[in-house]
Amino acid sequence: MTKLNHIAIATQDPDKTAEFFKNVFDLQEVGRVDSDSAVGYYLSDGNINLLQRGAKLKVVECCRPGWGV
């Protein structure tokens, strides 16, 4: 029988989300993501692996001159 063993979650606050899963579900941090485009954590209980990450967003200018984010 096939079992669920990997879950990926997108989050706006990877640090807070990781702490929530560590505290509530007793998951352990087994790795980190820190690339040009994303930051996050790999968490596991030994059976289920959870990747939760957030995008590193760049500030870009809007379409009209003088507008900015």
Protein backbone atom coordinates (compact mmCIF):
# COMPACT_ATOMS: atom_id res chain seq x y z
CA MET A 1 0.00 0.00 0.00
CA THR A 2 1.31 3.46 -0.93
CA LYS A 3 1.88 5.83 1.97
CA LEU A 4 2.25 9.58 2.09
CA ASN A 5 5.85 10.37 3.01
CA HIS A 6 6.64 13.86 1.68
CA ILE A 7 4.67 17.11 1.97
CA ALA A 8 5.68 20.55 0.65
CA ILE A 9 4.14 23.74 2.02
CA ALA A 10 4.61 27.30 0.77
CA THR A 11 4.68 29.90 3.55
CA GLN A 12 5.29 33.61 3.96
CA ASP A 13 7.21 33.10 7.22
CA PRO A 14 9.38 29.96 7.09
CA ASP A 15 10.87 30.52 10.56
CA LYS A 16 7.50 30.76 12.34
CA THR A 17 6.06 27.88 10.34
CA ALA A 18 9.02 25.63 11.15
CA GLU A 19 8.73 26.42 14.85
CA PHE A 20 5.00 25.58 14.75
CA PHE A 21 5.58 22.14 13.21
CA LYS A 22 8.51 21.44 15.55
CA ASN A 23 6.49 22.33 18.65
CA VAL A 24 3.07 20.93 17.72
CA PHE A 25 4.07 17.78 15.81
CA ASP A 26 7.50 17.18 17.40
CA LEU A 27 9.25 17.28 14.01
CA GLN A 28 13.02 17.59 13.88
CA GLU A 29 14.93 19.90 11.55
CA VAL A 30 16.93 17.74 9.14
CA GLY A 31 17.95 20.36 6.57
CA ARG A 32 17.61 23.91 5.31
CA VAL A 33 16.93 25.62 2.00
CA ASP A 34 18.68 28.92 1.30
CA SER A 35 18.97 29.61 -2.41
CA ASP A 36 18.65 32.75 -4.52
CA SER A 37 14.90 32.17 -4.87
CA ALA A 38 13.77 30.45 -1.64
CA VAL A 39 14.44 29.89 2.04
CA GLY A 40 12.96 27.18 4.27
CA TYR A 41 13.37 23.99 6.26
CA TYR A 42 13.22 20.23 5.86
CA LEU A 43 11.48 18.70 8.88
CA SER A 44 10.87 15.02 9.69
CA ASP A 45 9.53 12.64 12.31
CA GLY A 46 11.41 9.73 10.74
CA ASN A 47 8.43 8.64 8.63
CA ILE A 48 6.97 11.79 7.09
CA ASN A 49 9.16 14.50 5.59
CA LEU A 50 7.93 18.08 5.38
CA LEU A 51 9.49 20.77 3.21
CA GLN A 52 8.24 24.23 4.03
CA ARG A 53 9.68 27.18 2.21
CA GLY A 54 9.08 30.79 1.34
CA ALA A 55 10.05 32.71 -1.76
CA LYS A 56 12.64 35.45 -1.61
CA LEU A 57 10.80 38.24 -3.36
CA LYS A 58 12.59 41.08 -5.06
CA VAL A 59 11.24 44.61 -5.05
CA VAL A 60 10.33 45.60 -8.58
CA GLU A 61 9.08 48.80 -10.12
CA CYS A 62 5.48 48.98 -11.22
CA CYS A 63 4.31 49.67 -14.76
CA ARG A 64 3.92 53.45 -14.59
CA PRO A 65 6.82 55.88 -14.24
CA GLY A 66 7.27 57.01 -10.66
CA TRP A 67 5.43 54.02 -9.18
CA GLY A 68 7.34 51.66 -6.97
CA VAL A 69 6.68 48.95 -4.47
